[in-house]
Amino acid sequence: MTEQVMIYEVKSAASSNAKELFSDDSKYFYWNETKFKNLNLGDFVFVVNRTDRWVLLSKLDNIDIPTTERGDKTIFSDLGKDFTVSGKWNKFIRLEILNNLSIPNDWQWQSLGSSETTYLNGPRIGLDSSENRLKNISQLLQLSQDDTIAQILENCKLNFNGSTTKPTPIKPIQKPKENNQDDMNILTAIKTKPFILLAGISGTGKSRLVRTLAYKTCSKEELKKDPKKPGNFELIPVRPNWHDSSELMGYVSRINGEKYITTSFLKFIAKAWKHIDVPFFLCLDEMNLAPVEQYFAEYLSIIETRQVKDGKLVTDYIISKESFENQNLYNQLLTDLELSGNEFSEGISIPSNLVVIGTVNMDETTHSFSRKVLDRAMTFEMNNVDLTGGLELNKEYWNYPKSEDEYYKSEDLIGKYTSGAEVYSQDFKEKEEIIGFLQKVNNELEGTPFKIAYRVRDEFLIYCFYSGQNKAANWLTNALDEMTSMKILSRIEGDETKTGNVLKNLQRIITADFKKSYAKIKEMESRLQSNGYTSFWS
């Protein structure tokens, strides 16, 4: 192994800067060049941050990033993002993150002291501190079973234990699938509750995103017959004249004899039941062109009956046999849907693999959402537009992945918990911190109609539990930030009397560390000052 290997220890006083120095997609981490001048591109760096409880395995990817000063701040730009940090620094370096490890509460670390750095491989290793370096290596090995990390550290160990064994070359590093943070947030939200609202201005790619997710999960050959539409995807355009559920749930027709008129919605549910191990995506396009509470009432009620029984996620019946006056019509419906009369003898429930995603535009032609809908959905905004993006001819959004390992696995999207108690009973160390955060939020919402209750609490716990399984830097803050935007801020609307103090008081809890929620609160305050009324929706 010819690469240098260095440990850099982020001191507690610098941890606030560290939070600001990740790229938006969490692929890169930046730091001032002071302690990195002896490294070459491609050398390995373990960045240890005990304050925020994470360790990065990284490679030096770029040097000499220029900066400018503004007062006591340093400003620089890289890869399209602007960074501002405290202190005055001449240049910055960029580290490519190969692995992001979470530090457990009982982890012991042999501090590097005031030096902040030490070398484990290369010409600058210090053999006079071999005992401490072996402790560092052992402590880093405790954090991961990753083969690359183990190989690097086992090679470094040979430098300090007197061994004459020749180091082995490092195997090529297998990079994980490239999922940006927004993708991961949506996947985690789906896993928490498979009912998503995608809001944003027209033309930002909301329905495109749903179809892309379907392509990335459609791993069964029998569902891939159509190259233009995966078999696990259905788009239903909502019409303004939908004022009951018949367009989705079907209805009894008595023209030329009594029969039950089925719908594409019911056919898609039946198809999902036949492929229960594949996520199925229903896109309700322009969902709020009609009142959601009227045409989607059955789903909104039944989705709240989700529970785990005998290890399976089940719901009440969205169509029950007993609701038919003529029960022969129910049997006819099962025949039309090609569903087994034995398995569905009493009714049809919502399959656990069904993901409903509604695309939403907020303008004068659409209906607003009641709190009933918002309480049941996970809400995302898609208002960012990059007019230089998506112009590459070789960029393939609507194609099936070329290899099996590029598909999302079913367990990436289909959750197994429906109540907070189910995850609260797990070995979930952050659960009390999450509850404490929600209690603080509710204290600020006291006396308003925006207080949260058990449903929101449970979804916070489930979402954070799933987020914690793929821990990145500041993962808990980021998870609370996402959920605050989705489940708390989305419910706040009204005039100055109703919302003014609410937005002001929430900032005692929702600080600038909560980037998305803090920015949304500021946006809502600005809208309130300009219009005398505000809401979550842009």
Protein backbone atom coordinates (compact mmCIF):
# COMPACT_ATOMS: atom_id res chain seq x y z
CA MET A 1 0.00 0.00 0.00
CA THR A 2 1.66 3.22 -1.19
CA GLU A 3 -0.98 5.75 -0.14
CA GLN A 4 -0.45 7.81 2.98
CA VAL A 5 -3.08 7.30 5.68
CA MET A 6 -3.78 10.15 8.07
CA ILE A 7 -6.16 10.65 10.99
CA TYR A 8 -7.57 14.14 11.41
CA GLU A 9 -9.42 14.90 14.64
CA VAL A 10 -12.07 17.65 14.53
CA LYS A 11 -11.93 19.47 17.85
CA SER A 12 -15.15 20.43 19.60
CA ALA A 13 -14.62 24.13 18.93
CA ALA A 14 -14.55 23.43 15.19
CA SER A 15 -17.56 21.10 15.06
CA SER A 16 -19.95 23.94 14.11
CA ASN A 17 -17.83 24.57 11.01
CA ALA A 18 -17.80 20.86 10.21
CA LYS A 19 -21.60 20.79 9.94
CA GLU A 20 -21.46 23.35 7.13
CA LEU A 21 -18.77 21.66 5.08
CA PHE A 22 -20.57 18.72 3.48
CA SER A 23 -21.69 18.89 -0.13
CA ASP A 24 -25.46 18.74 -0.62
CA ASP A 25 -25.27 15.14 -1.83
CA SER A 26 -22.97 14.14 1.10
CA LYS A 27 -20.32 12.87 -1.32
CA TYR A 28 -17.67 15.38 -0.27
CA PHE A 29 -16.35 17.00 2.89
CA TYR A 30 -14.21 20.17 2.95
CA TRP A 31 -11.65 21.51 5.40
CA ASN A 32 -9.00 24.19 5.54
CA GLU A 33 -5.71 23.00 4.08
CA THR A 34 -3.51 23.76 7.11
CA LYS A 35 -3.03 20.16 8.29
CA PHE A 36 -3.28 18.54 4.85
CA LYS A 37 -0.36 20.13 2.98
CA ASN A 38 1.80 16.99 3.14
CA LEU A 39 -0.81 14.77 1.51
CA ASN A 40 -1.06 13.81 -2.14
CA LEU A 41 -4.22 13.36 -4.16
CA GLY A 42 -5.58 9.88 -3.51
CA ASP A 43 -4.19 9.58 0.03
CA PHE A 44 -6.61 8.33 2.69
CA VAL A 45 -7.89 10.43 5.60
CA PHE A 46 -9.94 9.26 8.59
CA VAL A 47 -11.82 12.33 9.86
CA VAL A 48 -12.90 11.81 13.49
CA ASN A 49 -15.57 14.09 14.97
CA ARG A 50 -16.39 12.94 18.51
CA THR A 51 -18.61 15.96 19.20
CA ASP A 52 -21.12 15.09 16.47
CA ARG A 53 -20.31 11.38 16.69
CA TRP A 54 -19.15 10.44 13.19
CA VAL A 55 -16.02 9.21 11.42
CA LEU A 56 -15.34 9.56 7.69
CA LEU A 57 -13.09 7.38 5.58
CA SER A 58 -12.13 9.70 2.74
CA LYS A 59 -9.64 10.30 -0.05
CA LEU A 60 -7.98 13.61 -0.85
CA ASP A 61 -9.77 14.67 -4.03
CA ASN A 62 -8.85 18.33 -4.60
CA ILE A 63 -6.52 20.97 -3.15
CA ASP A 64 -5.96 24.71 -3.35
CA ILE A 65 -9.64 25.74 -3.40
CA PRO A 66 -9.40 29.55 -3.18
CA THR A 67 -11.26 31.57 -0.57
CA THR A 68 -12.30 35.14 0.19
CA GLU A 69 -12.78 36.84 3.54
CA ARG A 70 -15.81 38.74 4.77
CA GLY A 71 -15.26 40.08 8.25
CA ASP A 72 -14.42 37.11 10.48
CA LYS A 73 -15.87 34.63 7.95
CA THR A 74 -14.29 32.68 5.11
CA ILE A 75 -16.23 32.09 1.90
CA PHE A 76 -15.50 29.67 -0.94
CA SER A 77 -17.35 27.89 -3.73
CA ASP A 78 -16.97 24.42 -5.20
CA LEU A 79 -19.07 22.19 -7.44
CA GLY A 80 -21.81 24.79 -7.62
CA LYS A 81 -22.22 25.30 -3.87
CA ASP A 82 -21.22 28.31 -1.74
CA PHE A 83 -19.76 27.72 1.72
CA THR A 84 -19.38 30.17 4.62
CA VAL A 85 -17.45 29.23 7.78
CA SER A 86 -16.13 31.00 10.84
CA GLY A 87 -12.47 32.01 10.93
CA LYS A 88 -9.98 33.17 8.32
CA TRP A 89 -8.48 30.48 6.08
CA ASN A 90 -6.38 30.80 2.94
CA LYS A 91 -7.36 27.66 1.04
CA PHE A 92 -9.54 24.58 1.40
CA ILE A 93 -9.24 20.95 0.35
CA ARG A 94 -11.94 18.55 -0.80
CA LEU A 95 -12.21 15.00 0.53
CA GLU A 96 -14.25 12.36 -1.29
CA ILE A 97 -16.29 10.44 1.29
CA LEU A 98 -15.88 6.68 0.87
CA ASN A 99 -17.69 5.70 4.06
CA ASN A 100 -19.53 7.58 6.78
CA LEU A 101 -19.55 5.82 10.15
CA SER A 102 -21.57 6.58 13.25
CA ILE A 103 -19.85 6.57 16.66
CA PRO A 104 -21.65 4.52 19.34
CA ASN A 105 -22.13 6.00 22.79
CA ASP A 106 -19.67 3.60 24.45
CA TRP A 107 -16.84 4.16 21.95
CA GLN A 108 -13.44 4.89 23.49
CA TRP A 109 -10.98 6.99 21.50
CA GLN A 110 -7.28 7.61 22.09
CA SER A 111 -7.17 11.36 21.51
CA LEU A 112 -4.46 12.88 19.33
CA GLY A 113 -4.11 15.78 21.75
CA SER A 114 -3.30 19.24 20.46
CA SER A 115 -1.68 18.00 17.24
CA GLU A 116 -5.07 17.15 15.64
CA THR A 117 -3.36 14.79 13.16
CA THR A 118 -1.30 11.63 13.03
CA TYR A 119 -0.13 9.33 10.25
CA LEU A 120 -0.77 5.59 10.06
CA ASN A 121 1.06 4.96 6.79
CA GLY A 122 3.69 6.73 4.73
CA PRO A 123 7.00 8.49 5.47
CA ARG A 124 5.59 10.64 8.30
CA ILE A 125 4.52 7.92 10.73
CA GLY A 126 5.90 8.30 14.25
CA LEU A 127 7.03 4.98 15.71
CA ASP A 128 7.65 6.53 19.13
CA SER A 129 3.86 6.50 19.65
CA SER A 130 3.24 2.98 18.34
CA GLU A 131 1.11 1.93 21.30
CA ASN A 132 -1.30 4.83 20.87
CA ARG A 133 -1.49 4.34 17.09
CA LEU A 134 -2.34 0.67 17.56
CA LYS A 135 -5.11 1.78 19.93
CA ASN A 136 -6.42 4.20 17.26
CA ILE A 137 -6.39 1.47 14.64
CA SER A 138 -8.20 -0.95 16.93
CA GLN A 139 -10.79 1.69 17.82
CA LEU A 140 -11.47 2.53 14.16
CA LEU A 141 -11.83 -1.16 13.33
CA GLN A 142 -14.65 -1.39 15.90
CA LEU A 143 -16.82 0.99 13.87
CA SER A 144 -17.31 -1.04 10.70
CA GLN A 145 -17.12 -4.43 9.04
CA ASP A 146 -16.31 -2.78 5.71
CA ASP A 147 -13.63 -4.75 3.85
CA THR A 148 -11.84 -1.67 2.53
CA ILE A 149 -11.58 -0.06 5.95
CA ALA A 150 -10.36 -3.32 7.47
CA GLN A 151 -7.76 -3.79 4.75
CA ILE A 152 -6.40 -0.25 5.08
CA LEU A 153 -6.17 -0.44 8.86
CA GLU A 154 -4.71 -3.96 8.96
CA ASN A 155 -1.99 -2.79 6.57
CA CYS A 156 -1.33 0.24 8.79
CA LYS A 157 -1.09 -2.01 11.84
CA LEU A 158 1.99 -3.66 10.29
CA ASN A 159 3.85 -0.33 10.63
CA PHE A 160 3.55 -0.33 14.41
CA ASN A 161 3.60 -3.93 15.68
CA GLY A 162 7.09 -4.85 14.48
CA SER A 163 5.79 -7.14 11.75
CA THR A 164 7.88 -7.83 8.64
CA THR A 165 4.82 -8.93 6.66
CA LYS A 166 4.47 -7.07 3.37
CA PRO A 167 1.32 -4.91 3.13
CA THR A 168 -1.27 -6.08 0.61
CA PRO A 169 -2.53 -3.79 -2.18
CA ILE A 170 -5.87 -2.16 -1.46
CA LYS A 171 -8.69 -3.66 -3.49
CA PRO A 172 -10.63 -1.25 -5.72
CA ILE A 173 -13.17 0.56 -3.59
CA GLN A 174 -16.74 -0.41 -4.35
CA LYS A 175 -18.72 2.80 -4.34
CA PRO A 176 -22.31 2.59 -3.14
CA LYS A 177 -25.21 3.29 -5.47
CA GLU A 178 -25.37 6.99 -6.22
CA ASN A 179 -28.45 8.16 -4.38
CA ASN A 180 -28.53 11.83 -3.59
CA GLN A 181 -29.89 12.93 -0.25
CA ASP A 182 -33.25 14.00 -1.69
CA ASP A 183 -33.74 10.50 -3.12
CA MET A 184 -32.86 8.93 0.22
CA ASN A 185 -35.27 11.24 2.05
CA ILE A 186 -38.13 10.24 -0.26
CA LEU A 187 -37.30 6.53 0.06
CA THR A 188 -37.28 6.86 3.85
CA ALA A 189 -40.58 8.75 3.78
CA ILE A 190 -42.19 6.05 1.63
CA LYS A 191 -40.93 3.41 4.03
CA THR A 192 -42.46 5.38 6.90
CA LYS A 193 -45.84 6.01 5.23
CA PRO A 194 -46.55 5.04 1.59
CA PHE A 195 -48.64 8.15 0.90
CA ILE A 196 -46.61 11.06 -0.48
CA LEU A 197 -47.49 14.56 -1.70
CA LEU A 198 -45.03 16.04 -4.22
CA ALA A 199 -45.68 19.76 -4.37
CA GLY A 200 -44.08 22.33 -6.61
CA ILE A 201 -44.44 24.63 -9.57
CA SER A 202 -45.54 23.07 -12.84
CA GLY A 203 -42.85 21.35 -14.89
CA THR A 204 -40.36 20.47 -12.13
CA GLY A 205 -40.49 16.73 -12.80
CA LYS A 206 -42.85 15.50 -10.09
CA SER A 207 -44.56 12.79 -12.13
CA ARG A 208 -41.21 12.00 -13.79
CA LEU A 209 -39.78 11.22 -10.36
CA VAL A 210 -42.58 8.74 -9.62
CA ARG A 211 -42.04 6.92 -12.92
CA THR A 212 -38.26 6.88 -12.33
CA LEU A 213 -38.78 5.25 -8.92
CA ALA A 214 -40.94 2.63 -10.61
CA TYR A 215 -38.21 1.83 -13.15
CA LYS A 216 -35.65 1.50 -10.37
CA THR A 217 -37.78 -1.03 -8.47
CA CYS A 218 -39.24 -3.04 -11.37
CA SER A 219 -36.89 -6.02 -11.16
CA LYS A 220 -39.31 -8.74 -12.35
CA GLU A 221 -38.96 -9.63 -16.04
CA GLU A 222 -42.71 -10.16 -16.47
CA LEU A 223 -43.29 -6.52 -15.42
CA LYS A 224 -40.73 -5.13 -17.89
CA LYS A 225 -42.50 -5.92 -21.16
CA ASP A 226 -43.13 -2.27 -22.00
CA PRO A 227 -39.91 -0.19 -22.27
CA LYS A 228 -41.90 3.03 -21.95
CA LYS A 229 -43.93 2.10 -18.89
CA PRO A 230 -42.85 -0.25 -16.10
CA GLY A 231 -45.51 -2.71 -15.05
CA ASN A 232 -45.43 -1.43 -11.46
CA PHE A 233 -46.46 2.10 -12.45
CA GLU A 234 -49.85 3.67 -13.10
CA LEU A 235 -50.61 7.34 -13.70
CA ILE A 236 -54.20 8.48 -13.13
CA PRO A 237 -54.96 12.12 -14.05
CA VAL A 238 -57.36 13.67 -11.54
CA ARG A 239 -60.28 15.57 -13.06
CA PRO A 240 -61.86 18.74 -11.60
CA ASN A 241 -65.35 17.17 -11.57
CA TRP A 242 -64.44 14.33 -9.19
CA HIS A 243 -66.68 14.87 -6.17
CA ASP A 244 -67.05 11.26 -5.05
CA SER A 245 -64.94 8.12 -5.14
CA SER A 246 -66.66 6.33 -8.02
CA GLU A 247 -63.90 7.20 -10.52
CA LEU A 248 -61.42 5.30 -8.36
CA MET A 249 -63.48 2.77 -6.40
CA GLY A 250 -65.91 1.85 -9.16
CA TYR A 251 -69.70 1.73 -8.97
CA VAL A 252 -72.76 -0.39 -9.69
CA SER A 253 -74.34 0.21 -13.09
CA ARG A 254 -77.89 -0.91 -13.80
CA ILE A 255 -77.84 -0.14 -17.51
CA ASN A 256 -78.55 -3.34 -19.45
CA GLY A 257 -78.53 -5.38 -16.27
CA GLU A 258 -76.76 -4.95 -12.95
CA LYS A 259 -72.96 -5.02 -13.03
CA TYR A 260 -70.02 -3.52 -11.17
CA ILE A 261 -67.90 -1.07 -13.19
CA THR A 262 -64.27 -1.50 -12.24
CA THR A 263 -61.52 1.11 -12.61
CA SER A 264 -57.81 1.37 -13.40
CA PHE A 265 -57.22 2.06 -9.69
CA LEU A 266 -58.77 -1.26 -8.64
CA LYS A 267 -57.00 -3.11 -11.45
CA PHE A 268 -53.69 -1.68 -10.28
CA ILE A 269 -54.37 -2.73 -6.67
CA ALA A 270 -55.16 -6.25 -7.90
CA LYS A 271 -51.95 -6.31 -9.94
CA ALA A 272 -49.96 -5.20 -6.89
CA TRP A 273 -51.41 -8.10 -4.90
CA LYS A 274 -50.10 -10.50 -7.56
CA HIS A 275 -46.55 -9.12 -7.22
CA ILE A 276 -46.45 -8.34 -3.50
CA ASP A 277 -42.63 -8.39 -3.39
CA VAL A 278 -42.31 -5.48 -5.87
CA PRO A 279 -43.16 -1.85 -4.93
CA PHE A 280 -46.06 -0.52 -7.03
CA PHE A 281 -46.37 3.22 -7.68
CA LEU A 282 -49.71 4.92 -8.25
CA CYS A 283 -49.29 8.53 -9.38
CA LEU A 284 -52.38 10.71 -8.93
CA ASP A 285 -51.45 13.53 -11.28
CA GLU A 286 -52.64 17.03 -10.37
CA MET A 287 -54.12 15.49 -7.25
CA ASN A 288 -55.72 18.66 -5.91
CA LEU A 289 -57.66 19.63 -9.04
CA ALA A 290 -60.58 18.09 -7.11
CA PRO A 291 -61.20 17.92 -3.35
CA VAL A 292 -59.06 15.03 -2.15
CA GLU A 293 -61.24 14.35 0.89
CA GLN A 294 -64.18 13.60 -1.40
CA TYR A 295 -62.79 11.38 -4.15
CA PHE A 296 -60.15 9.65 -2.01
CA ALA A 297 -62.08 9.28 1.24
CA GLU A 298 -61.87 5.48 1.45
CA TYR A 299 -58.10 5.40 1.05
CA LEU A 300 -57.58 8.21 3.57
CA SER A 301 -59.50 6.24 6.17
CA ILE A 302 -58.11 2.78 5.41
CA ILE A 303 -54.45 3.88 5.28
CA GLU A 304 -54.79 4.69 8.99
CA THR A 305 -55.69 1.07 9.79
CA ARG A 306 -52.24 -0.20 8.82
CA GLN A 307 -50.88 -2.61 11.42
CA VAL A 308 -48.49 -5.52 11.70
CA LYS A 309 -50.10 -8.94 12.25
CA ASP A 310 -48.10 -12.15 12.29
CA GLY A 311 -45.16 -10.32 10.74
CA LYS A 312 -47.23 -8.95 7.84
CA LEU A 313 -48.40 -5.39 7.24
CA VAL A 314 -52.19 -5.41 6.78
CA THR A 315 -55.11 -2.97 6.54
CA ASP A 316 -58.88 -3.10 6.77
CA TYR A 317 -60.78 -3.73 3.54
CA ILE A 318 -60.95 -0.83 1.12
CA ILE A 319 -63.72 -2.81 -0.62
CA SER A 320 -65.65 -5.27 1.55
CA LYS A 321 -68.03 -7.96 0.39
CA GLU A 322 -70.63 -6.98 2.98
CA SER A 323 -70.95 -3.50 1.44
CA PHE A 324 -72.54 -5.09 -1.67
CA GLU A 325 -76.31 -5.50 -1.57
CA ASN A 326 -75.96 -8.06 -4.33
CA GLN A 327 -72.97 -10.13 -3.28
CA ASN A 328 -72.80 -11.77 -6.69
CA LEU A 329 -71.48 -8.42 -7.89
CA TYR A 330 -68.57 -8.76 -5.51
CA ASN A 331 -67.77 -12.20 -6.91
CA GLN A 332 -68.00 -10.72 -10.42
CA LEU A 333 -65.55 -7.98 -9.35
CA LEU A 334 -63.03 -10.58 -8.14
CA THR A 335 -63.36 -12.38 -11.48
CA ASP A 336 -62.80 -9.13 -13.41
CA LEU A 337 -59.74 -8.38 -11.29
CA GLU A 338 -58.48 -11.98 -11.55
CA LEU A 339 -58.28 -12.28 -7.75
CA SER A 340 -58.76 -15.51 -5.83
CA GLY A 341 -62.18 -16.00 -4.27
CA ASN A 342 -60.53 -17.88 -1.41
CA GLU A 343 -57.89 -15.28 -0.54
CA PHE A 344 -60.22 -12.30 -0.98
CA SER A 345 -63.46 -13.94 0.15
CA GLU A 346 -64.43 -11.10 2.54
CA GLY A 347 -62.84 -8.08 0.92
CA ILE A 348 -59.88 -6.39 -0.76
CA SER A 349 -57.42 -4.50 1.43
CA ILE A 350 -54.53 -2.21 0.49
CA PRO A 351 -51.43 -4.26 -0.40
CA SER A 352 -48.32 -3.43 1.60
CA ASN A 353 -46.35 -2.72 -1.60
CA LEU A 354 -48.69 0.01 -2.88
CA VAL A 355 -47.16 3.51 -2.83
CA VAL A 356 -49.54 6.38 -3.60
CA ILE A 357 -47.87 9.60 -4.71
CA GLY A 358 -49.91 12.67 -5.56
CA THR A 359 -48.42 15.50 -7.59
CA VAL A 360 -49.59 18.90 -6.42
CA ASN A 361 -49.64 22.38 -7.91
CA MET A 362 -50.83 25.27 -5.78
CA ASP A 363 -52.56 27.95 -7.84
CA GLU A 364 -55.99 29.50 -8.38
CA THR A 365 -57.27 26.39 -10.21
CA THR A 366 -56.58 23.92 -7.39
CA HIS A 367 -57.99 23.05 -3.97
CA SER A 368 -56.06 23.44 -0.73
CA PHE A 369 -55.49 20.47 1.56
CA SER A 370 -57.34 19.95 4.81
CA ARG A 371 -55.41 18.99 7.92
CA LYS A 372 -56.92 15.51 7.59
CA VAL A 373 -55.01 14.95 4.35
CA LEU A 374 -51.78 16.59 5.52
CA ASP A 375 -51.77 14.57 8.73
CA ARG A 376 -51.91 11.37 6.71
CA ALA A 377 -49.33 12.25 4.04
CA MET A 378 -45.61 12.88 3.82
CA THR A 379 -45.06 16.17 2.00
CA PHE A 380 -42.15 17.16 -0.24
CA GLU A 381 -41.57 20.34 -2.22
CA MET A 382 -39.92 20.35 -5.65
CA ASN A 383 -39.42 24.02 -6.48
CA ASN A 384 -35.69 24.04 -7.25
CA VAL A 385 -35.02 24.43 -10.95
CA ASP A 386 -31.60 24.04 -12.60
CA LEU A 387 -32.07 25.10 -16.23
CA THR A 388 -28.61 23.76 -17.12
CA GLY A 389 -29.44 20.26 -15.87
CA GLY A 390 -31.05 17.33 -17.67
CA LEU A 391 -29.69 18.29 -21.08
CA GLU A 392 -27.31 15.36 -21.50
CA LEU A 393 -28.34 13.03 -24.34
CA ASN A 394 -26.87 10.03 -22.54
CA LYS A 395 -28.79 10.69 -19.32
CA GLU A 396 -31.28 7.82 -19.01
CA TYR A 397 -34.09 8.52 -16.56
CA TRP A 398 -36.76 6.22 -17.99
CA ASN A 399 -34.90 2.98 -18.48
CA TYR A 400 -34.62 -0.18 -16.45
CA PRO A 401 -31.30 -0.45 -14.56
CA LYS A 402 -28.64 -2.40 -16.45
CA SER A 403 -27.63 -4.65 -13.57
CA GLU A 404 -29.37 -6.25 -10.60
CA ASP A 405 -27.40 -4.30 -7.98
CA GLU A 406 -28.67 -0.99 -9.44
CA TYR A 407 -32.28 -1.77 -8.50
CA TYR A 408 -33.74 -0.56 -5.25
CA LYS A 409 -34.58 -3.53 -3.08
CA SER A 410 -38.12 -4.00 -1.87
CA GLU A 411 -37.00 -3.50 1.73
CA ASP A 412 -35.64 -0.05 0.76
CA LEU A 413 -39.22 1.16 0.34
CA ILE A 414 -41.63 -1.21 2.06
CA GLY A 415 -41.61 -0.63 5.80
CA LYS A 416 -42.38 -3.06 8.57
CA TYR A 417 -43.49 -0.68 11.33
CA THR A 418 -46.74 1.24 11.67
CA SER A 419 -46.63 2.55 15.25
CA GLY A 420 -44.14 4.45 17.35
CA ALA A 421 -44.30 1.76 20.03
CA GLU A 422 -42.84 -0.79 17.60
CA VAL A 423 -39.64 1.19 17.09
CA TYR A 424 -39.57 2.64 20.61
CA SER A 425 -39.10 -0.89 21.91
CA GLN A 426 -36.07 -1.42 19.65
CA ASP A 427 -32.45 -0.68 20.52
CA PHE A 428 -32.93 2.91 19.37
CA LYS A 429 -30.71 5.18 21.44
CA GLU A 430 -31.99 8.45 19.98
CA LYS A 431 -35.67 7.84 20.78
CA GLU A 432 -35.69 10.01 23.93
CA GLU A 433 -33.98 12.85 22.06
CA ILE A 434 -36.70 12.68 19.40
CA ILE A 435 -39.50 12.73 21.98
CA GLY A 436 -37.79 15.62 23.76
CA PHE A 437 -37.60 17.57 20.51
CA LEU A 438 -41.31 17.05 19.84
CA GLN A 439 -42.22 18.09 23.38
CA LYS A 440 -40.31 21.34 22.89
CA VAL A 441 -42.10 21.94 19.60
CA ASN A 442 -45.48 21.30 21.19
CA ASN A 443 -44.67 23.70 24.01
CA GLU A 444 -44.19 26.43 21.40
CA LEU A 445 -47.44 25.40 19.68
CA GLU A 446 -49.45 25.43 22.91
CA GLY A 447 -52.79 27.19 22.47
CA THR A 448 -52.74 26.92 18.67
CA PRO A 449 -54.55 24.50 16.32
CA PHE A 450 -51.16 23.30 15.07
CA LYS A 451 -50.15 21.14 18.03
CA ILE A 452 -49.06 17.64 17.06
CA ALA A 453 -50.44 14.40 18.47
CA TYR A 454 -49.73 10.69 18.44
CA ARG A 455 -49.84 10.10 14.68
CA VAL A 456 -47.13 12.67 14.01
CA ARG A 457 -45.09 11.44 16.98
CA ASP A 458 -45.19 7.89 15.66
CA GLU A 459 -44.13 8.94 12.18
CA PHE A 460 -41.22 10.98 13.58
CA LEU A 461 -40.02 7.92 15.48
CA ILE A 462 -40.38 5.57 12.51
CA TYR A 463 -38.74 7.96 10.03
CA CYS A 464 -35.81 8.66 12.35
CA PHE A 465 -35.41 4.95 13.10
CA TYR A 466 -35.08 4.16 9.39
CA SER A 467 -32.77 7.16 8.85
CA GLY A 468 -30.55 5.90 11.65
CA GLN A 469 -29.93 2.64 9.80
CA ASN A 470 -27.82 4.51 7.23
CA LYS A 471 -26.18 7.03 9.47
CA ALA A 472 -24.47 9.94 7.79
CA ALA A 473 -23.00 13.04 9.39
CA ASN A 474 -25.64 14.97 11.37
CA TRP A 475 -28.17 12.30 10.40
CA LEU A 476 -30.53 12.91 13.32
CA THR A 477 -30.65 16.68 12.82
CA ASN A 478 -31.28 16.13 9.11
CA ALA A 479 -34.03 13.57 9.82
CA LEU A 480 -35.77 15.88 12.32
CA ASP A 481 -35.40 18.71 9.82
CA GLU A 482 -37.09 16.71 7.04
CA MET A 483 -39.92 15.58 9.29
CA THR A 484 -40.46 19.05 10.73
CA SER A 485 -40.93 20.38 7.22
CA MET A 486 -43.17 17.48 6.16
CA LYS A 487 -45.35 17.06 9.24
CA ILE A 488 -45.32 20.30 11.24
CA LEU A 489 -44.74 23.28 8.96
CA SER A 490 -47.03 21.89 6.23
CA ARG A 491 -49.98 22.24 8.64
CA ILE A 492 -49.40 25.90 9.53
CA GLU A 493 -51.44 28.52 7.67
CA GLY A 494 -53.38 31.66 8.46
CA ASP A 495 -53.13 35.40 9.01
CA GLU A 496 -50.87 37.36 11.36
CA THR A 497 -53.08 36.67 14.38
CA LYS A 498 -53.05 32.94 13.79
CA THR A 499 -49.47 32.33 12.62
CA GLY A 500 -47.25 35.29 13.47
CA ASN A 501 -46.23 34.21 16.96
CA VAL A 502 -46.19 30.56 15.93
CA LEU A 503 -43.45 31.11 13.33
CA LYS A 504 -41.51 33.35 15.69
CA ASN A 505 -41.70 30.95 18.63
CA LEU A 506 -40.75 27.89 16.59
CA GLN A 507 -37.40 29.48 15.83
CA ARG A 508 -36.44 28.91 19.45
CA ILE A 509 -36.32 25.21 18.52
CA ILE A 510 -35.89 25.26 14.73
CA THR A 511 -32.51 26.94 14.48
CA ALA A 512 -30.29 27.42 11.44
CA ASP A 513 -28.99 23.86 11.94
CA PHE A 514 -32.36 22.70 10.57
CA LYS A 515 -31.60 24.03 7.12
CA LYS A 516 -34.76 23.11 5.23
CA SER A 517 -37.24 23.95 8.01
CA TYR A 518 -35.48 27.14 9.03
CA ALA A 519 -35.47 28.37 5.42
CA LYS A 520 -39.16 27.47 5.07
CA ILE A 521 -40.07 29.37 8.26
CA LYS A 522 -38.26 32.45 6.93
CA GLU A 523 -40.08 32.08 3.61
CA MET A 524 -43.44 31.80 5.40
CA GLU A 525 -42.65 34.87 7.53
CA SER A 526 -41.79 36.83 4.40
CA ARG A 527 -45.05 35.79 2.77
CA LEU A 528 -46.96 36.79 5.90
CA GLN A 529 -45.41 40.27 5.88
CA SER A 530 -46.11 40.75 2.17
CA ASN A 531 -49.62 39.30 1.94
CA GLY A 532 -50.98 39.30 5.48
CA TYR A 533 -51.52 35.56 5.10
CA THR A 534 -49.13 32.63 4.88
CA SER A 535 -48.99 28.88 4.35
CA PHE A 536 -46.41 26.21 3.70
CA TRP A 537 -47.17 26.17 -0.02
CA SER A 538 -45.15 28.39 -2.33
